Amino acid sequence: MSIAENLREIRETLPENVRLTAVSKFHPPSVLWEAYHAGQRIFGENHVQELVPKYEHLPKDVEWHFIGHLQANKVKYIAPFIHTIQSVDSLRLLEEINKQAGKHNRKINVFLQIHIAQETHKFGFLYEDVEKLLSEKAFDTLENIRISGLMGMATLTGDGRQIRREFSNLHAFFLKIKNIYFAGDKFFSDLSIGMSDDYLIAIEEGSTMVRIGGRIFGGRIRNLGIGL
């Protein structure tokens, strides 16, 4: 099927409250244009060196999300235009985003990435680290960032029950910190969980944003037909 057909098929499965981030890493601007003409406006990139030239080639109404591990020394390259950084995993990175956003008189949306997977090589805060961060005075000085959600990546496994547990636990944590630290804050509203092969589970467990690449642009999708 074409990219437009893939997008239409995915959108038919999404509830009204769930937005789609099209993961466009490793694909040239010409491919992104196809998705753009099919109505897609949110694109997710993993690498700064890919994102910057794509920003130059695509229309300025695109909402760019950075979803990969971000080194603090590269924030300056995307600070002028990035809409949301979904993969914030340290106070140091938060401070650098705040610094660079201030230089451009901007407020950048960020999601705190939570480590929910069994793989140790994946990045993210532990649950207890997030509560500690939100309680620290240093956090209150970051005026050029807006924490607008959480992000998580499930374990790479064919066990749907494990993935469901990981997503369910993160959703419960999302509700907890929203009630404690962001009560009445209309901006803290997104839970970014679910990718090409587990997004339907994520939606059932409270996702408001899914990150899908393979089902749109092509790629390997693992089978989650067991234990759902």
Protein backbone atom coordinates (compact mmCIF):
# COMPACT_ATOMS: atom_id res chain seq x y z
CA MET A 1 0.00 0.00 0.00
CA SER A 2 1.01 3.63 -0.39
CA ILE A 3 2.01 5.88 2.49
CA ALA A 4 -1.35 7.65 2.22
CA GLU A 5 -3.18 4.32 2.43
CA ASN A 6 -1.06 3.24 5.40
CA LEU A 7 -1.85 6.47 7.22
CA ARG A 8 -5.55 6.14 6.52
CA GLU A 9 -5.57 2.57 7.83
CA ILE A 10 -3.76 3.58 11.04
CA ARG A 11 -5.96 6.62 11.65
CA GLU A 12 -9.04 4.42 11.47
CA THR A 13 -7.73 2.55 14.53
CA LEU A 14 -7.00 5.66 16.62
CA PRO A 15 -9.52 7.09 19.09
CA GLU A 16 -10.16 10.84 18.84
CA ASN A 17 -7.93 11.58 21.83
CA VAL A 18 -4.86 9.79 20.43
CA ARG A 19 -2.46 11.65 18.15
CA LEU A 20 -0.05 10.07 15.70
CA THR A 21 3.67 10.84 15.55
CA ALA A 22 5.02 9.57 12.23
CA VAL A 23 8.52 8.26 12.93
CA SER A 24 10.42 9.37 9.85
CA LYS A 25 14.04 8.58 10.75
CA PHE A 26 16.20 7.29 7.87
CA HIS A 27 13.64 8.44 5.29
CA PRO A 28 14.41 11.33 2.91
CA PRO A 29 12.32 14.51 2.73
CA SER A 30 10.60 13.27 -0.44
CA VAL A 31 9.04 10.43 1.56
CA LEU A 32 7.96 12.80 4.32
CA TRP A 33 6.30 14.96 1.68
CA GLU A 34 4.09 12.01 0.75
CA ALA A 35 2.92 11.73 4.34
CA TYR A 36 2.49 15.50 4.56
CA HIS A 37 0.26 15.56 1.49
CA ALA A 38 -1.77 12.78 3.12
CA GLY A 39 -2.46 15.11 6.04
CA GLN A 40 0.27 14.12 8.50
CA ARG A 41 1.70 17.03 10.47
CA ILE A 42 3.56 15.50 13.43
CA PHE A 43 6.88 13.87 12.60
CA GLY A 44 9.33 12.23 15.01
CA GLU A 45 13.08 12.10 14.45
CA ASN A 46 15.88 10.34 16.36
CA HIS A 47 18.97 12.12 15.04
CA VAL A 48 19.77 15.82 15.08
CA GLN A 49 21.84 15.58 11.89
CA GLU A 50 18.79 14.22 10.05
CA LEU A 51 16.23 16.47 11.63
CA VAL A 52 17.80 19.84 10.82
CA PRO A 53 17.88 19.43 7.01
CA LYS A 54 14.39 17.94 7.02
CA TYR A 55 13.14 20.98 8.89
CA GLU A 56 14.58 23.12 6.11
CA HIS A 57 12.87 21.06 3.38
CA LEU A 58 9.40 20.62 4.89
CA PRO A 59 6.67 23.26 5.40
CA LYS A 60 6.81 25.25 8.59
CA ASP A 61 3.46 24.00 9.86
CA VAL A 62 5.07 20.62 10.59
CA GLU A 63 5.22 19.85 14.31
CA TRP A 64 8.66 18.29 14.87
CA HIS A 65 9.17 15.94 17.80
CA PHE A 66 12.56 14.62 18.87
CA ILE A 67 12.11 11.05 20.11
CA GLY A 68 15.64 9.62 20.34
CA HIS A 69 18.40 9.92 22.90
CA LEU A 70 19.51 13.56 22.81
CA GLN A 71 22.98 14.71 23.77
CA ALA A 72 23.00 18.01 25.62
CA ASN A 73 25.59 19.54 23.27
CA LYS A 74 23.22 19.09 20.30
CA VAL A 75 20.19 20.83 21.76
CA LYS A 76 21.32 24.18 20.32
CA TYR A 77 20.81 22.94 16.77
CA ILE A 78 17.11 22.17 17.21
CA ALA A 79 16.15 24.73 19.86
CA PRO A 80 15.05 27.37 17.31
CA PHE A 81 12.25 25.21 15.92
CA ILE A 82 11.61 21.96 17.80
CA HIS A 83 8.06 21.64 19.07
CA THR A 84 8.50 18.79 21.58
CA ILE A 85 11.40 16.77 22.91
CA GLN A 86 9.87 13.48 24.02
CA SER A 87 13.05 11.83 25.27
CA VAL A 88 14.26 13.93 28.22
CA ASP A 89 16.09 11.62 30.61
CA SER A 90 18.14 13.85 32.94
CA LEU A 91 18.08 17.13 34.83
CA ARG A 92 21.19 18.19 32.91
CA LEU A 93 19.33 17.82 29.62
CA LEU A 94 16.36 19.75 30.99
CA GLU A 95 18.69 22.57 32.04
CA GLU A 96 20.32 22.70 28.61
CA ILE A 97 16.97 22.74 26.81
CA ASN A 98 15.86 25.55 29.10
CA LYS A 99 19.07 27.48 28.38
CA GLN A 100 18.85 27.12 24.61
CA ALA A 101 15.13 27.83 24.50
CA GLY A 102 15.77 31.03 26.44
CA LYS A 103 18.24 32.20 23.80
CA HIS A 104 15.41 32.08 21.25
CA ASN A 105 12.75 33.44 23.60
CA ARG A 106 10.87 30.16 23.31
CA LYS A 107 9.22 27.66 25.62
CA ILE A 108 9.85 24.09 24.47
CA ASN A 109 7.52 21.22 25.31
CA VAL A 110 9.22 18.21 26.86
CA PHE A 111 8.16 14.72 27.86
CA LEU A 112 10.03 12.97 30.63
CA GLN A 113 11.18 9.59 29.36
CA ILE A 114 10.58 6.81 31.87
CA HIS A 115 12.56 3.59 31.79
CA ILE A 116 9.91 0.86 31.82
CA ALA A 117 11.59 -1.87 29.77
CA GLN A 118 13.63 -4.83 30.93
CA GLU A 119 16.53 -3.88 28.63
CA THR A 120 19.19 -1.99 30.56
CA HIS A 121 20.53 -0.21 27.47
CA LYS A 122 17.37 1.88 27.07
CA PHE A 123 17.34 5.38 28.50
CA GLY A 124 14.96 7.08 30.90
CA PHE A 125 14.26 8.11 34.46
CA LEU A 126 13.27 5.60 37.09
CA TYR A 127 9.90 6.30 38.64
CA GLU A 128 11.40 7.45 41.94
CA ASP A 129 13.83 9.76 40.15
CA VAL A 130 10.98 11.65 38.51
CA GLU A 131 9.27 12.36 41.82
CA LYS A 132 12.58 13.52 43.26
CA LEU A 133 13.18 15.80 40.28
CA LEU A 134 9.74 17.39 40.44
CA SER A 135 10.25 18.08 44.15
CA GLU A 136 13.60 19.85 43.72
CA LYS A 137 13.93 23.62 43.74
CA ALA A 138 16.21 23.48 40.69
CA PHE A 139 13.27 22.33 38.65
CA ASP A 140 11.26 25.43 39.53
CA THR A 141 13.82 27.71 37.85
CA LEU A 142 13.35 26.18 34.39
CA GLU A 143 11.07 28.81 32.87
CA ASN A 144 11.65 28.01 29.19
CA ILE A 145 10.44 24.45 29.22
CA ARG A 146 6.96 23.04 29.62
CA ILE A 147 6.62 19.49 30.90
CA SER A 148 3.64 18.31 28.92
CA GLY A 149 3.80 14.55 29.31
CA LEU A 150 5.64 11.28 29.80
CA MET A 151 7.14 8.87 27.28
CA GLY A 152 8.08 5.21 27.57
CA MET A 153 9.30 2.31 25.46
CA ALA A 154 8.19 -1.21 26.30
CA THR A 155 10.46 -4.23 26.35
CA LEU A 156 11.27 -5.68 22.92
CA THR A 157 9.40 -8.94 23.38
CA GLY A 158 6.64 -10.99 21.85
CA ASP A 159 4.94 -11.30 25.22
CA GLY A 160 1.96 -8.96 24.98
CA ARG A 161 1.13 -9.47 28.66
CA GLN A 162 4.48 -8.03 29.71
CA ILE A 163 4.10 -5.06 27.40
CA ARG A 164 0.62 -4.43 28.75
CA ARG A 165 1.92 -4.47 32.35
CA GLU A 166 4.66 -1.99 31.50
CA PHE A 167 2.25 0.38 29.79
CA SER A 168 -0.36 0.01 32.53
CA ASN A 169 2.18 0.82 35.25
CA LEU A 170 3.35 3.90 33.38
CA HIS A 171 -0.21 5.11 32.89
CA ALA A 172 -0.87 4.74 36.62
CA PHE A 173 2.29 6.74 37.34
CA PHE A 174 1.24 9.39 34.82
CA LEU A 175 -2.06 9.85 36.66
CA LYS A 176 -0.29 9.93 40.01
CA ILE A 177 2.15 12.70 39.18
CA LYS A 178 -0.50 14.63 37.28
CA ASN A 179 -2.61 14.72 40.43
CA ILE A 180 0.32 15.55 42.72
CA TYR A 181 2.51 17.89 40.66
CA PHE A 182 0.38 19.10 37.74
CA ALA A 183 -3.12 19.39 39.15
CA GLY A 184 -4.96 22.02 37.17
CA ASP A 185 -2.17 22.23 34.58
CA LYS A 186 -3.84 21.86 31.17
CA PHE A 187 -0.50 21.36 29.43
CA PHE A 188 0.49 18.17 31.22
CA SER A 189 -1.74 15.92 29.17
CA ASP A 190 0.23 13.47 27.02
CA LEU A 191 1.34 9.90 27.55
CA SER A 192 3.47 8.83 24.59
CA ILE A 193 3.52 5.04 24.52
CA GLY A 194 3.06 2.58 21.70
CA MET A 195 4.93 2.00 18.46
CA SER A 196 4.24 0.15 15.21
CA ASP A 197 3.88 -3.29 16.76
CA ASP A 198 2.37 -2.53 20.18
CA TYR A 199 0.38 0.67 19.73
CA LEU A 200 -3.03 -1.02 20.01
CA ILE A 201 -2.06 -2.34 23.45
CA ALA A 202 -0.80 1.14 24.37
CA ILE A 203 -4.09 2.74 23.39
CA GLU A 204 -5.98 0.31 25.61
CA GLU A 205 -3.63 1.25 28.46
CA GLY A 206 -4.09 5.01 28.24
CA SER A 207 -1.83 6.30 25.46
CA THR A 208 -2.62 9.74 24.03
CA MET A 209 0.21 9.67 21.48
CA VAL A 210 1.63 6.78 19.46
CA ARG A 211 4.94 6.77 17.61
CA ILE A 212 4.62 4.79 14.39
CA GLY A 213 7.18 4.42 11.63
CA GLY A 214 7.24 0.92 10.15
CA ARG A 215 3.51 0.69 9.48
CA ILE A 216 3.65 3.99 7.61
CA PHE A 217 6.97 3.99 5.79
CA GLY A 218 7.85 0.29 5.82
CA GLY A 219 9.99 -1.79 8.16
CA ARG A 220 10.07 -4.89 10.31
CA ILE A 221 7.13 -5.43 12.65
CA ARG A 222 7.30 -8.15 15.29
CA ASN A 223 4.37 -10.44 15.99
CA LEU A 224 2.48 -9.83 19.23
CA GLY A 225 -0.14 -12.47 18.70
CA ILE A 226 0.48 -14.26 22.00
CA GLY A 227 -0.66 -13.43 25.48
CA LEU A 228 -2.81 -10.43 24.69
